[in-house]
């Protein structure tokens, strides 16, 4: 994952997190993995008190980024998360881990790959 994050950052992409985990857990995870430095901001749904895929969680990120949804992309391995992001007008990147598949009734992901590096190859 780290090489993919590094390549995205080097290419000028703005990287943020948006997680259903509590802020305290998010900060612990980033400290434990050492990946926090790749992200400009680390956001939790704690700030809106609604879990993804509620539309207000994605609107939180969009308003903080000050970007229209079509200029953003949610990357995840959870189909429900991408369905919510697509519903909010965002582009989506699906990491197709074993046992995971996109929702048939949701818009198809903008890009799909088995790993983050696969997605990065399509973006850079």
PDB file of N, CA and C in Angstrom:
ATOM      1  N   UNK A   1       0.817  -1.191   0.000  1.00  0.00           N
ATOM      2  CA  UNK A   1       0.000   0.000   0.000  1.00  0.00           C
ATOM      3  C   UNK A   1       0.862   1.256   0.000  1.00  0.00           C
ATOM      4  N   UNK A   2       1.945   1.243   0.746  1.00  0.00           N
ATOM      5  CA  UNK A   2       2.772   2.435   0.860  1.00  0.00           C
ATOM      6  C   UNK A   2       3.322   2.914  -0.486  1.00  0.00           C
ATOM      7  N   UNK A   3       3.819   2.017  -1.356  1.00  0.00           N
ATOM      8  CA  UNK A   3       4.292   2.503  -2.660  1.00  0.00           C
ATOM      9  C   UNK A   3       3.195   3.203  -3.466  1.00  0.00           C
ATOM     10  N   UNK A   4       1.984   2.693  -3.395  1.00  0.00           N
ATOM     11  CA  UNK A   4       0.876   3.316  -4.108  1.00  0.00           C
ATOM     12  C   UNK A   4       0.555   4.699  -3.564  1.00  0.00           C
ATOM     13  N   UNK A   5       0.533   4.831  -2.245  1.00  0.00           N
ATOM     14  CA  UNK A   5       0.285   6.137  -1.632  1.00  0.00           C
ATOM     15  C   UNK A   5       1.386   7.127  -1.995  1.00  0.00           C
ATOM     16  N   UNK A   6       2.623   6.658  -1.957  1.00  0.00           N
ATOM     17  CA  UNK A   6       3.754   7.528  -2.284  1.00  0.00           C
ATOM     18  C   UNK A   6       3.654   8.018  -3.723  1.00  0.00           C
ATOM     19  N   UNK A   7       3.301   7.125  -4.615  1.00  0.00           N
ATOM     20  CA  UNK A   7       3.211   7.498  -6.031  1.00  0.00           C
ATOM     21  C   UNK A   7       2.080   8.500  -6.275  1.00  0.00           C
ATOM     22  N   UNK A   8       0.949   8.295  -5.616  1.00  0.00           N
ATOM     23  CA  UNK A   8      -0.154   9.243  -5.754  1.00  0.00           C
ATOM     24  C   UNK A   8       0.240  10.622  -5.231  1.00  0.00           C
ATOM     25  N   UNK A   9       0.863  10.648  -4.080  1.00  0.00           N
ATOM     26  CA  UNK A   9       1.276  11.925  -3.491  1.00  0.00           C
ATOM     27  C   UNK A   9       2.288  12.624  -4.390  1.00  0.00           C
ATOM     28  N   UNK A  10       3.261  11.878  -4.903  1.00  0.00           N
ATOM     29  CA  UNK A  10       4.267  12.444  -5.804  1.00  0.00           C
ATOM     30  C   UNK A  10       3.644  12.981  -7.081  1.00  0.00           C
ATOM     31  N   UNK A  11       2.554  12.366  -7.525  1.00  0.00           N
ATOM     32  CA  UNK A  11       1.867  12.800  -8.743  1.00  0.00           C
ATOM     33  C   UNK A  11       0.960  14.005  -8.495  1.00  0.00           C
ATOM     34  N   UNK A  12       0.864  14.445  -7.250  1.00  0.00           N
ATOM     35  CA  UNK A  12       0.085  15.640  -6.936  1.00  0.00           C
ATOM     36  C   UNK A  12      -1.341  15.407  -6.492  1.00  0.00           C
ATOM     37  N   UNK A  13      -1.710  14.157  -6.265  1.00  0.00           N
ATOM     38  CA  UNK A  13      -3.056  13.879  -5.771  1.00  0.00           C
ATOM     39  C   UNK A  13      -3.164  14.301  -4.313  1.00  0.00           C
ATOM     40  N   UNK A  14      -4.313  14.838  -3.938  1.00  0.00           N
ATOM     41  CA  UNK A  14      -4.592  15.158  -2.538  1.00  0.00           C
ATOM     42  C   UNK A  14      -5.187  13.899  -1.908  1.00  0.00           C
ATOM     43  N   UNK A  15      -4.619  13.459  -0.819  1.00  0.00           N
ATOM     44  CA  UNK A  15      -5.065  12.235  -0.164  1.00  0.00           C
ATOM     45  C   UNK A  15      -5.611  12.566   1.220  1.00  0.00           C
ATOM     46  N   UNK A  16      -6.809  12.064   1.486  1.00  0.00           N
ATOM     47  CA  UNK A  16      -7.431  12.208   2.803  1.00  0.00           C
ATOM     48  C   UNK A  16      -8.077  10.872   3.164  1.00  0.00           C
ATOM     49  N   UNK A  17      -8.344  10.682   4.435  1.00  0.00           N
ATOM     50  CA  UNK A  17      -9.109   9.520   4.863  1.00  0.00           C
ATOM     51  C   UNK A  17     -10.512   9.970   5.247  1.00  0.00           C
ATOM     52  N   UNK A  18     -11.435   9.051   5.140  1.00  0.00           N
ATOM     53  CA  UNK A  18     -12.790   9.238   5.649  1.00  0.00           C
ATOM     54  C   UNK A  18     -13.235   7.865   6.123  1.00  0.00           C
ATOM     55  N   UNK A  19     -13.273   7.684   7.425  1.00  0.00           N
ATOM     56  CA  UNK A  19     -13.525   6.363   7.980  1.00  0.00           C
ATOM     57  C   UNK A  19     -14.708   6.361   8.933  1.00  0.00           C
ATOM     58  N   UNK A  20     -15.332   5.203   9.054  1.00  0.00           N
ATOM     59  CA  UNK A  20     -16.377   5.008  10.050  1.00  0.00           C
ATOM     60  C   UNK A  20     -15.790   4.770  11.438  1.00  0.00           C
ATOM     61  N   UNK A  21     -14.498   4.564  11.507  1.00  0.00           N
ATOM     62  CA  UNK A  21     -13.844   4.349  12.808  1.00  0.00           C
ATOM     63  C   UNK A  21     -13.841   5.641  13.612  1.00  0.00           C
ATOM     64  N   UNK A  22     -13.863   5.528  14.939  1.00  0.00           N
ATOM     65  CA  UNK A  22     -13.741   6.736  15.774  1.00  0.00           C
ATOM     66  C   UNK A  22     -12.390   7.411  15.526  1.00  0.00           C
ATOM     67  N   UNK A  23     -12.339   8.709  15.745  1.00  0.00           N
ATOM     68  CA  UNK A  23     -11.112   9.482  15.527  1.00  0.00           C
ATOM     69  C   UNK A  23      -9.940   8.892  16.295  1.00  0.00           C
ATOM     70  N   UNK A  24     -10.148   8.504  17.527  1.00  0.00           N
ATOM     71  CA  UNK A  24      -9.068   7.940  18.340  1.00  0.00           C
ATOM     72  C   UNK A  24      -8.502   6.676  17.677  1.00  0.00           C
ATOM     73  N   UNK A  25      -9.364   5.815  17.189  1.00  0.00           N
ATOM     74  CA  UNK A  25      -8.923   4.590  16.519  1.00  0.00           C
ATOM     75  C   UNK A  25      -8.176   4.924  15.233  1.00  0.00           C
ATOM     76  N   UNK A  26      -8.691   5.872  14.462  1.00  0.00           N
ATOM     77  CA  UNK A  26      -8.037   6.302  13.229  1.00  0.00           C
ATOM     78  C   UNK A  26      -6.615   6.775  13.518  1.00  0.00           C
ATOM     79  N   UNK A  27      -6.461   7.602  14.530  1.00  0.00           N
ATOM     80  CA  UNK A  27      -5.131   8.129  14.859  1.00  0.00           C
ATOM     81  C   UNK A  27      -4.189   7.013  15.305  1.00  0.00           C
ATOM     82  N   UNK A  28      -4.706   6.061  16.062  1.00  0.00           N
ATOM     83  CA  UNK A  28      -3.882   4.925  16.486  1.00  0.00           C
ATOM     84  C   UNK A  28      -3.454   4.088  15.290  1.00  0.00           C
ATOM     85  N   UNK A  29      -4.384   3.847  14.370  1.00  0.00           N
ATOM     86  CA  UNK A  29      -4.062   3.059  13.174  1.00  0.00           C
ATOM     87  C   UNK A  29      -2.984   3.744  12.341  1.00  0.00           C
ATOM     88  N   UNK A  30      -3.098   5.028  12.160  1.00  0.00           N
ATOM     89  CA  UNK A  30      -2.106   5.761  11.371  1.00  0.00           C
ATOM     90  C   UNK A  30      -0.747   5.779  12.069  1.00  0.00           C
ATOM     91  N   UNK A  31      -0.768   5.904  13.375  1.00  0.00           N
ATOM     92  CA  UNK A  31       0.496   5.873  14.123  1.00  0.00           C
ATOM     93  C   UNK A  31       1.140   4.489  14.024  1.00  0.00           C
ATOM     94  N   UNK A  32       0.338   3.450  14.125  1.00  0.00           N
ATOM     95  CA  UNK A  32       0.862   2.078  14.073  1.00  0.00           C
ATOM     96  C   UNK A  32       1.387   1.704  12.693  1.00  0.00           C
ATOM     97  N   UNK A  33       0.744   2.198  11.642  1.00  0.00           N
ATOM     98  CA  UNK A  33       1.148   1.829  10.286  1.00  0.00           C
ATOM     99  C   UNK A  33       2.203   2.760   9.706  1.00  0.00           C
ATOM    100  N   UNK A  34       2.295   3.968  10.244  1.00  0.00           N
ATOM    101  CA  UNK A  34       3.217   4.948   9.689  1.00  0.00           C
ATOM    102  C   UNK A  34       2.742   5.553   8.378  1.00  0.00           C
ATOM    103  N   UNK A  35       1.486   5.353   8.022  1.00  0.00           N
ATOM    104  CA  UNK A  35       0.961   5.848   6.750  1.00  0.00           C
ATOM    105  C   UNK A  35       0.377   7.254   6.832  1.00  0.00           C
ATOM    106  N   UNK A  36       0.218   7.779   8.010  1.00  0.00           N
ATOM    107  CA  UNK A  36      -0.417   9.083   8.189  1.00  0.00           C
ATOM    108  C   UNK A  36       0.243  10.209   7.425  1.00  0.00           C
ATOM    109  N   UNK A  37       1.538  10.129   7.216  1.00  0.00           N
ATOM    110  CA  UNK A  37       2.268  11.200   6.529  1.00  0.00           C
ATOM    111  C   UNK A  37       1.857  11.358   5.068  1.00  0.00           C
ATOM    112  N   UNK A  38       1.227  10.353   4.501  1.00  0.00           N
ATOM    113  CA  UNK A  38       0.802  10.443   3.101  1.00  0.00           C
ATOM    114  C   UNK A  38      -0.486  11.240   2.923  1.00  0.00           C
ATOM    115  N   UNK A  39      -1.193  11.485   4.008  1.00  0.00           N
ATOM    116  CA  UNK A  39      -2.505  12.118   3.937  1.00  0.00           C
ATOM    117  C   UNK A  39      -2.457  13.557   4.442  1.00  0.00           C
ATOM    118  N   UNK A  40      -3.162  14.435   3.732  1.00  0.00           N
ATOM    119  CA  UNK A  40      -3.217  15.830   4.177  1.00  0.00           C
ATOM    120  C   UNK A  40      -4.175  15.989   5.354  1.00  0.00           C
ATOM    121  N   UNK A  41      -5.170  15.113   5.430  1.00  0.00           N
ATOM    122  CA  UNK A  41      -6.125  15.162   6.537  1.00  0.00           C
ATOM    123  C   UNK A  41      -6.638  13.766   6.827  1.00  0.00           C
ATOM    124  N   UNK A  42      -6.973  13.538   8.089  1.00  0.00           N
ATOM    125  CA  UNK A  42      -7.513  12.263   8.554  1.00  0.00           C
ATOM    126  C   UNK A  42      -8.886  12.552   9.160  1.00  0.00           C
ATOM    127  N   UNK A  43      -9.943  12.096   8.496  1.00  0.00           N
ATOM    128  CA  UNK A  43     -11.297  12.411   8.926  1.00  0.00           C
ATOM    129  C   UNK A  43     -12.065  11.166   9.317  1.00  0.00           C
ATOM    130  N   UNK A  44     -12.892  11.350  10.326  1.00  0.00           N
ATOM    131  CA  UNK A  44     -13.768  10.301  10.822  1.00  0.00           C
ATOM    132  C   UNK A  44     -15.204  10.783  10.734  1.00  0.00           C
ATOM    133  N   UNK A  45     -16.126   9.852  10.652  1.00  0.00           N
ATOM    134  CA  UNK A  45     -17.543  10.209  10.657  1.00  0.00           C
ATOM    135  C   UNK A  45     -17.976  10.744  12.017  1.00  0.00           C
ATOM    136  N   UNK A  46     -17.086  10.693  13.001  1.00  0.00           N
ATOM    137  CA  UNK A  46     -17.380  11.300  14.304  1.00  0.00           C
ATOM    138  C   UNK A  46     -17.869  12.741  14.140  1.00  0.00           C
ATOM    139  N   UNK A  47     -17.342  13.425  13.130  1.00  0.00           N
ATOM    140  CA  UNK A  47     -17.662  14.836  12.945  1.00  0.00           C
ATOM    141  C   UNK A  47     -19.087  15.088  12.496  1.00  0.00           C
ATOM    142  N   UNK A  48     -19.726  14.098  11.884  1.00  0.00           N
ATOM    143  CA  UNK A  48     -21.121  14.267  11.458  1.00  0.00           C
ATOM    144  C   UNK A  48     -22.075  13.357  12.216  1.00  0.00           C
ATOM    145  N   UNK A  49     -21.519  12.428  13.001  1.00  0.00           N
ATOM    146  CA  UNK A  49     -22.324  11.500  13.801  1.00  0.00           C
ATOM    147  C   UNK A  49     -23.268  10.646  12.950  1.00  0.00           C
ATOM    148  N   UNK A  50     -22.824  10.350  11.727  1.00  0.00           N
ATOM    149  CA  UNK A  50     -23.563   9.475  10.815  1.00  0.00           C
ATOM    150  C   UNK A  50     -22.545   8.577  10.122  1.00  0.00           C
ATOM    151  N   UNK A  51     -22.867   7.313   9.997  1.00  0.00           N
ATOM    152  CA  UNK A  51     -21.948   6.382   9.361  1.00  0.00           C
ATOM    153  C   UNK A  51     -22.110   6.388   7.845  1.00  0.00           C
ATOM    154  N   UNK A  52     -21.002   6.131   7.149  1.00  0.00           N
ATOM    155  CA  UNK A  52     -21.089   5.876   5.716  1.00  0.00           C
ATOM    156  C   UNK A  52     -21.908   4.598   5.545  1.00  0.00           C
ATOM    157  N   UNK A  53     -22.746   4.542   4.567  1.00  0.00           N
ATOM    158  CA  UNK A  53     -22.826   5.366   3.368  1.00  0.00           C
ATOM    159  C   UNK A  53     -23.814   6.528   3.423  1.00  0.00           C
ATOM    160  N   UNK A  54     -24.104   7.068   4.587  1.00  0.00           N
ATOM    161  CA  UNK A  54     -25.003   8.224   4.642  1.00  0.00           C
ATOM    162  C   UNK A  54     -24.405   9.360   3.818  1.00  0.00           C
ATOM    163  N   UNK A  55     -25.212  10.032   3.000  1.00  0.00           N
ATOM    164  CA  UNK A  55     -24.686  11.095   2.128  1.00  0.00           C
ATOM    165  C   UNK A  55     -23.948  12.215   2.859  1.00  0.00           C
ATOM    166  N   UNK A  56     -24.353  12.538   4.074  1.00  0.00           N
ATOM    167  CA  UNK A  56     -23.695  13.639   4.784  1.00  0.00           C
ATOM    168  C   UNK A  56     -22.235  13.341   5.118  1.00  0.00           C
ATOM    169  N   UNK A  57     -21.870  12.053   5.203  1.00  0.00           N
ATOM    170  CA  UNK A  57     -20.470  11.747   5.481  1.00  0.00           C
ATOM    171  C   UNK A  57     -19.597  12.144   4.290  1.00  0.00           C
ATOM    172  N   UNK A  58     -20.063  11.882   3.092  1.00  0.00           N
ATOM    173  CA  UNK A  58     -19.308  12.253   1.891  1.00  0.00           C
ATOM    174  C   UNK A  58     -19.329  13.769   1.698  1.00  0.00           C
ATOM    175  N   UNK A  59     -20.449  14.402   2.028  1.00  0.00           N
ATOM    176  CA  UNK A  59     -20.534  15.857   1.924  1.00  0.00           C
ATOM    177  C   UNK A  59     -19.543  16.538   2.871  1.00  0.00           C
ATOM    178  N   UNK A  60     -19.285  15.929   4.019  1.00  0.00           N
ATOM    179  CA  UNK A  60     -18.274  16.459   4.939  1.00  0.00           C
ATOM    180  C   UNK A  60     -16.937  16.570   4.223  1.00  0.00           C
ATOM    181  N   UNK A  61     -16.524  15.498   3.582  1.00  0.00           N
ATOM    182  CA  UNK A  61     -15.232  15.499   2.884  1.00  0.00           C
ATOM    183  C   UNK A  61     -15.239  16.499   1.736  1.00  0.00           C
ATOM    184  N   UNK A  62     -16.294  16.509   0.953  1.00  0.00           N
ATOM    185  CA  UNK A  62     -16.358  17.418  -0.185  1.00  0.00           C
ATOM    186  C   UNK A  62     -16.302  18.873   0.247  1.00  0.00           C
ATOM    187  N   UNK A  63     -17.002  19.202   1.319  1.00  0.00           N
ATOM    188  CA  UNK A  63     -16.991  20.595   1.777  1.00  0.00           C
ATOM    189  C   UNK A  63     -15.622  20.972   2.340  1.00  0.00           C
ATOM    190  N   UNK A  64     -14.981  20.068   3.032  1.00  0.00           N
ATOM    191  CA  UNK A  64     -13.646  20.360   3.567  1.00  0.00           C
ATOM    192  C   UNK A  64     -12.602  20.466   2.453  1.00  0.00           C
ATOM    193  N   UNK A  65     -12.750  19.658   1.427  1.00  0.00           N
ATOM    194  CA  UNK A  65     -11.825  19.719   0.294  1.00  0.00           C
ATOM    195  C   UNK A  65     -12.112  20.910  -0.614  1.00  0.00           C
ATOM    196  N   UNK A  66     -13.325  21.436  -0.515  1.00  0.00           N
ATOM    197  CA  UNK A  66     -13.786  22.521  -1.374  1.00  0.00           C
ATOM    198  C   UNK A  66     -13.665  22.128  -2.850  1.00  0.00           C
ATOM    199  N   UNK A  67     -14.149  20.921  -3.123  1.00  0.00           N
ATOM    200  CA  UNK A  67     -14.129  20.391  -4.485  1.00  0.00           C
ATOM    201  C   UNK A  67     -15.502  19.858  -4.847  1.00  0.00           C
ATOM    202  N   UNK A  68     -15.858  19.951  -6.134  1.00  0.00           N
ATOM    203  CA  UNK A  68     -17.094  19.295  -6.562  1.00  0.00           C
ATOM    204  C   UNK A  68     -16.868  17.785  -6.570  1.00  0.00           C
ATOM    205  N   UNK A  69     -17.908  17.011  -6.376  1.00  0.00           N
ATOM    206  CA  UNK A  69     -17.747  15.563  -6.252  1.00  0.00           C
ATOM    207  C   UNK A  69     -17.066  14.901  -7.448  1.00  0.00           C
ATOM    208  N   UNK A  70     -17.333  15.407  -8.655  1.00  0.00           N
ATOM    209  CA  UNK A  70     -16.752  14.771  -9.836  1.00  0.00           C
ATOM    210  C   UNK A  70     -15.227  14.936  -9.915  1.00  0.00           C
ATOM    211  N   UNK A  71     -14.650  15.800  -9.089  1.00  0.00           N
ATOM    212  CA  UNK A  71     -13.201  15.971  -9.047  1.00  0.00           C
ATOM    213  C   UNK A  71     -12.562  15.173  -7.909  1.00  0.00           C
ATOM    214  N   UNK A  72     -13.337  14.276  -7.326  1.00  0.00           N
ATOM    215  CA  UNK A  72     -12.836  13.464  -6.217  1.00  0.00           C
ATOM    216  C   UNK A  72     -13.031  11.983  -6.525  1.00  0.00           C
ATOM    217  N   UNK A  73     -12.345  11.152  -5.768  1.00  0.00           N
ATOM    218  CA  UNK A  73     -12.511   9.703  -5.913  1.00  0.00           C
ATOM    219  C   UNK A  73     -12.391   9.042  -4.547  1.00  0.00           C
ATOM    220  N   UNK A  74     -13.381   8.235  -4.224  1.00  0.00           N
ATOM    221  CA  UNK A  74     -13.324   7.396  -3.033  1.00  0.00           C
ATOM    222  C   UNK A  74     -12.727   6.070  -3.454  1.00  0.00           C
ATOM    223  N   UNK A  75     -11.687   5.649  -2.755  1.00  0.00           N
ATOM    224  CA  UNK A  75     -11.054   4.357  -3.009  1.00  0.00           C
ATOM    225  C   UNK A  75     -11.330   3.469  -1.811  1.00  0.00           C
ATOM    226  N   UNK A  76     -11.841   2.282  -2.054  1.00  0.00           N
ATOM    227  CA  UNK A  76     -12.176   1.367  -0.963  1.00  0.00           C
ATOM    228  C   UNK A  76     -12.310  -0.056  -1.491  1.00  0.00           C
ATOM    229  N   UNK A  77     -12.321  -0.991  -0.565  1.00  0.00           N
ATOM    230  CA  UNK A  77     -12.588  -2.386  -0.920  1.00  0.00           C
ATOM    231  C   UNK A  77     -13.988  -2.788  -0.466  1.00  0.00           C
ATOM    232  N   UNK A  78     -14.755  -1.827   0.007  1.00  0.00           N
ATOM    233  CA  UNK A  78     -16.118  -2.078   0.481  1.00  0.00           C
ATOM    234  C   UNK A  78     -17.108  -1.528  -0.539  1.00  0.00           C
ATOM    235  N   UNK A  79     -17.899  -2.391  -1.120  1.00  0.00           N
ATOM    236  CA  UNK A  79     -18.854  -1.973  -2.147  1.00  0.00           C
ATOM    237  C   UNK A  79     -19.864  -0.970  -1.602  1.00  0.00           C
ATOM    238  N   UNK A  80     -20.294  -1.136  -0.353  1.00  0.00           N
ATOM    239  CA  UNK A  80     -21.281  -0.210   0.211  1.00  0.00           C
ATOM    240  C   UNK A  80     -20.713   1.200   0.297  1.00  0.00           C
ATOM    241  N   UNK A  81     -19.414   1.310   0.597  1.00  0.00           N
ATOM    242  CA  UNK A  81     -18.771   2.610   0.704  1.00  0.00           C
ATOM    243  C   UNK A  81     -18.725   3.291  -0.656  1.00  0.00           C
ATOM    244  N   UNK A  82     -18.394   2.529  -1.677  1.00  0.00           N
ATOM    245  CA  UNK A  82     -18.325   3.090  -3.024  1.00  0.00           C
ATOM    246  C   UNK A  82     -19.708   3.417  -3.559  1.00  0.00           C
ATOM    247  N   UNK A  83     -20.704   2.626  -3.202  1.00  0.00           N
ATOM    248  CA  UNK A  83     -22.073   2.931  -3.626  1.00  0.00           C
ATOM    249  C   UNK A  83     -22.503   4.281  -3.055  1.00  0.00           C
ATOM    250  N   UNK A  84     -22.180   4.524  -1.800  1.00  0.00           N
ATOM    251  CA  UNK A  84     -22.504   5.811  -1.180  1.00  0.00           C
ATOM    252  C   UNK A  84     -21.763   6.964  -1.835  1.00  0.00           C
ATOM    253  N   UNK A  85     -20.478   6.757  -2.131  1.00  0.00           N
ATOM    254  CA  UNK A  85     -19.683   7.802  -2.780  1.00  0.00           C
ATOM    255  C   UNK A  85     -20.213   8.094  -4.180  1.00  0.00           C
ATOM    256  N   UNK A  86     -20.551   7.056  -4.920  1.00  0.00           N
ATOM    257  CA  UNK A  86     -21.097   7.244  -6.272  1.00  0.00           C
ATOM    258  C   UNK A  86     -22.420   7.997  -6.203  1.00  0.00           C
ATOM    259  N   UNK A  87     -23.233   7.665  -5.212  1.00  0.00           N
ATOM    260  CA  UNK A  87     -24.513   8.358  -5.023  1.00  0.00           C
ATOM    261  C   UNK A  87     -24.286   9.844  -4.738  1.00  0.00           C
ATOM    262  N   UNK A  88     -23.167  10.167  -4.088  1.00  0.00           N
ATOM    263  CA  UNK A  88     -22.819  11.565  -3.800  1.00  0.00           C
ATOM    264  C   UNK A  88     -22.181  12.251  -5.005  1.00  0.00           C
ATOM    265  N   UNK A  89     -21.997  11.509  -6.116  1.00  0.00           N
ATOM    266  CA  UNK A  89     -21.444  12.090  -7.330  1.00  0.00           C
ATOM    267  C   UNK A  89     -19.944  11.943  -7.484  1.00  0.00           C
ATOM    268  N   UNK A  90     -19.311  11.224  -6.559  1.00  0.00           N
ATOM    269  CA  UNK A  90     -17.868  11.040  -6.603  1.00  0.00           C
ATOM    270  C   UNK A  90     -17.489   9.927  -7.578  1.00  0.00           C
ATOM    271  N   UNK A  91     -16.279   9.990  -8.091  1.00  0.00           N
ATOM    272  CA  UNK A  91     -15.712   8.868  -8.815  1.00  0.00           C
ATOM    273  C   UNK A  91     -15.347   7.809  -7.778  1.00  0.00           C
ATOM    274  N   UNK A  92     -15.196   6.574  -8.226  1.00  0.00           N
ATOM    275  CA  UNK A  92     -14.896   5.501  -7.281  1.00  0.00           C
ATOM    276  C   UNK A  92     -13.802   4.582  -7.808  1.00  0.00           C
ATOM    277  N   UNK A  93     -12.974   4.111  -6.889  1.00  0.00           N
ATOM    278  CA  UNK A  93     -11.932   3.142  -7.194  1.00  0.00           C
ATOM    279  C   UNK A  93     -12.116   1.931  -6.297  1.00  0.00           C
ATOM    280  N   UNK A  94     -12.381   0.793  -6.895  1.00  0.00           N
ATOM    281  CA  UNK A  94     -12.661  -0.424  -6.138  1.00  0.00           C
ATOM    282  C   UNK A  94     -11.432  -1.317  -6.078  1.00  0.00           C
ATOM    283  N   UNK A  95     -10.994  -1.624  -4.868  1.00  0.00           N
ATOM    284  CA  UNK A  95      -9.927  -2.595  -4.661  1.00  0.00           C
ATOM    285  C   UNK A  95     -10.617  -3.939  -4.456  1.00  0.00           C
ATOM    286  N   UNK A  96     -10.496  -4.800  -5.449  1.00  0.00           N
ATOM    287  CA  UNK A  96     -11.228  -6.071  -5.489  1.00  0.00           C
ATOM    288  C   UNK A  96     -10.469  -7.150  -4.723  1.00  0.00           C
ATOM    289  N   UNK A  97     -10.530  -7.074  -3.422  1.00  0.00           N
ATOM    290  CA  UNK A  97      -9.908  -8.097  -2.583  1.00  0.00           C
ATOM    291  C   UNK A  97     -10.705  -9.394  -2.695  1.00  0.00           C
ATOM    292  N   UNK A  98     -10.067 -10.527  -2.392  1.00  0.00           N
ATOM    293  CA  UNK A  98     -10.794 -11.800  -2.457  1.00  0.00           C
ATOM    294  C   UNK A  98     -12.073 -11.754  -1.613  1.00  0.00           C
ATOM    295  N   UNK A  99     -13.150 -12.211  -2.198  1.00  0.00           N
ATOM    296  CA  UNK A  99     -14.433 -12.244  -1.502  1.00  0.00           C
ATOM    297  C   UNK A  99     -15.224 -10.954  -1.593  1.00  0.00           C
ATOM    298  N   UNK A 100     -14.661  -9.918  -2.197  1.00  0.00           N
ATOM    299  CA  UNK A 100     -15.356  -8.640  -2.337  1.00  0.00           C
ATOM    300  C   UNK A 100     -15.757  -8.446  -3.794  1.00  0.00           C
ATOM    301  N   UNK A 101     -16.914  -7.858  -4.008  1.00  0.00           N
ATOM    302  CA  UNK A 101     -17.347  -7.544  -5.365  1.00  0.00           C
ATOM    303  C   UNK A 101     -18.222  -6.296  -5.313  1.00  0.00           C
ATOM    304  N   UNK A 102     -18.276  -5.555  -6.420  1.00  0.00           N
ATOM    305  CA  UNK A 102     -19.146  -4.372  -6.449  1.00  0.00           C
ATOM    306  C   UNK A 102     -20.614  -4.767  -6.329  1.00  0.00           C
ATOM    307  N   UNK A 103     -21.439  -3.838  -5.857  1.00  0.00           N
ATOM    308  CA  UNK A 103     -22.877  -4.086  -5.809  1.00  0.00           C
ATOM    309  C   UNK A 103     -23.448  -4.010  -7.212  1.00  0.00           C
ATOM    310  N   UNK A 104     -24.254  -4.989  -7.559  1.00  0.00           N
ATOM    311  CA  UNK A 104     -24.843  -5.038  -8.901  1.00  0.00           C
ATOM    312  C   UNK A 104     -25.806  -3.879  -9.141  1.00  0.00           C
ATOM    313  N   UNK A 105     -26.453  -3.369  -8.104  1.00  0.00           N
ATOM    314  CA  UNK A 105     -27.440  -2.304  -8.269  1.00  0.00           C
ATOM    315  C   UNK A 105     -26.854  -0.912  -8.113  1.00  0.00           C
ATOM    316  N   UNK A 106     -25.564  -0.813  -7.836  1.00  0.00           N
ATOM    317  CA  UNK A 106     -24.890   0.480  -7.716  1.00  0.00           C
ATOM    318  C   UNK A 106     -24.165   0.778  -9.026  1.00  0.00           C
ATOM    319  N   UNK A 107     -23.848   2.048  -9.275  1.00  0.00           N
ATOM    320  CA  UNK A 107     -23.053   2.347 -10.471  1.00  0.00           C
ATOM    321  C   UNK A 107     -21.734   1.579 -10.439  1.00  0.00           C
ATOM    322  N   UNK A 108     -21.276   1.160 -11.596  1.00  0.00           N
ATOM    323  CA  UNK A 108     -20.000   0.448 -11.682  1.00  0.00           C
ATOM    324  C   UNK A 108     -18.876   1.369 -11.210  1.00  0.00           C
ATOM    325  N   UNK A 109     -17.868   0.827 -10.521  1.00  0.00           N
ATOM    326  CA  UNK A 109     -16.738   1.663 -10.108  1.00  0.00           C
ATOM    327  C   UNK A 109     -16.077   2.322 -11.321  1.00  0.00           C
ATOM    328  N   UNK A 110     -15.546   3.504 -11.111  1.00  0.00           N
ATOM    329  CA  UNK A 110     -14.836   4.220 -12.169  1.00  0.00           C
ATOM    330  C   UNK A 110     -13.620   3.415 -12.606  1.00  0.00           C
ATOM    331  N   UNK A 111     -12.871   2.903 -11.628  1.00  0.00           N
ATOM    332  CA  UNK A 111     -11.733   2.033 -11.908  1.00  0.00           C
ATOM    333  C   UNK A 111     -11.744   0.887 -10.907  1.00  0.00           C
ATOM    334  N   UNK A 112     -11.144  -0.230 -11.304  1.00  0.00           N
ATOM    335  CA  UNK A 112     -11.079  -1.421 -10.452  1.00  0.00           C
ATOM    336  C   UNK A 112      -9.702  -2.042 -10.579  1.00  0.00           C
ATOM    337  N   UNK A 113      -9.196  -2.565  -9.469  1.00  0.00           N
ATOM    338  CA  UNK A 113      -7.941  -3.296  -9.470  1.00  0.00           C
ATOM    339  C   UNK A 113      -7.869  -4.191  -8.259  1.00  0.00           C
ATOM    340  N   UNK A 114      -6.939  -5.126  -8.275  1.00  0.00           N
ATOM    341  CA  UNK A 114      -6.790  -6.042  -7.138  1.00  0.00           C
ATOM    342  C   UNK A 114      -6.065  -5.394  -5.968  1.00  0.00           C
ATOM    343  N   UNK A 115      -5.278  -4.348  -6.254  1.00  0.00           N
ATOM    344  CA  UNK A 115      -4.511  -3.662  -5.203  1.00  0.00           C
ATOM    345  C   UNK A 115      -4.562  -2.157  -5.447  1.00  0.00           C
ATOM    346  N   UNK A 116      -4.118  -1.413  -4.454  1.00  0.00           N
ATOM    347  CA  UNK A 116      -4.013   0.032  -4.630  1.00  0.00           C
ATOM    348  C   UNK A 116      -3.047   0.347  -5.769  1.00  0.00           C
ATOM    349  N   UNK A 117      -1.973  -0.391  -5.867  1.00  0.00           N
ATOM    350  CA  UNK A 117      -1.006  -0.165  -6.939  1.00  0.00           C
ATOM    351  C   UNK A 117      -1.655  -0.331  -8.307  1.00  0.00           C
ATOM    352  N   UNK A 118      -2.553  -1.304  -8.450  1.00  0.00           N
ATOM    353  CA  UNK A 118      -3.290  -1.481  -9.704  1.00  0.00           C
ATOM    354  C   UNK A 118      -4.103  -0.231 -10.039  1.00  0.00           C
ATOM    355  N   UNK A 119      -4.740   0.355  -9.028  1.00  0.00           N
ATOM    356  CA  UNK A 119      -5.527   1.572  -9.260  1.00  0.00           C
ATOM    357  C   UNK A 119      -4.615   2.740  -9.630  1.00  0.00           C
ATOM    358  N   UNK A 120      -3.489   2.841  -8.947  1.00  0.00           N
ATOM    359  CA  UNK A 120      -2.542   3.930  -9.219  1.00  0.00           C
ATOM    360  C   UNK A 120      -2.055   3.869 -10.661  1.00  0.00           C
ATOM    361  N   UNK A 121      -1.799   2.672 -11.162  1.00  0.00           N
ATOM    362  CA  UNK A 121      -1.354   2.524 -12.559  1.00  0.00           C
ATOM    363  C   UNK A 121      -2.373   3.100 -13.531  1.00  0.00           C
ATOM    364  N   UNK A 122      -3.643   3.053 -13.168  1.00  0.00           N
ATOM    365  CA  UNK A 122      -4.692   3.581 -14.035  1.00  0.00           C
ATOM    366  C   UNK A 122      -4.835   5.093 -13.902  1.00  0.00           C
ATOM    367  N   UNK A 123      -4.398   5.636 -12.784  1.00  0.00           N
ATOM    368  CA  UNK A 123      -4.569   7.063 -12.518  1.00  0.00           C
ATOM    369  C   UNK A 123      -3.378   7.924 -12.912  1.00  0.00           C
ATOM    370  N   UNK A 124      -2.191   7.348 -12.829  1.00  0.00           N
ATOM    371  CA  UNK A 124      -0.971   8.146 -13.046  1.00  0.00           C
ATOM    372  C   UNK A 124      -0.458   7.926 -14.453  1.00  0.00           C
TER     373      UNK A 124
END
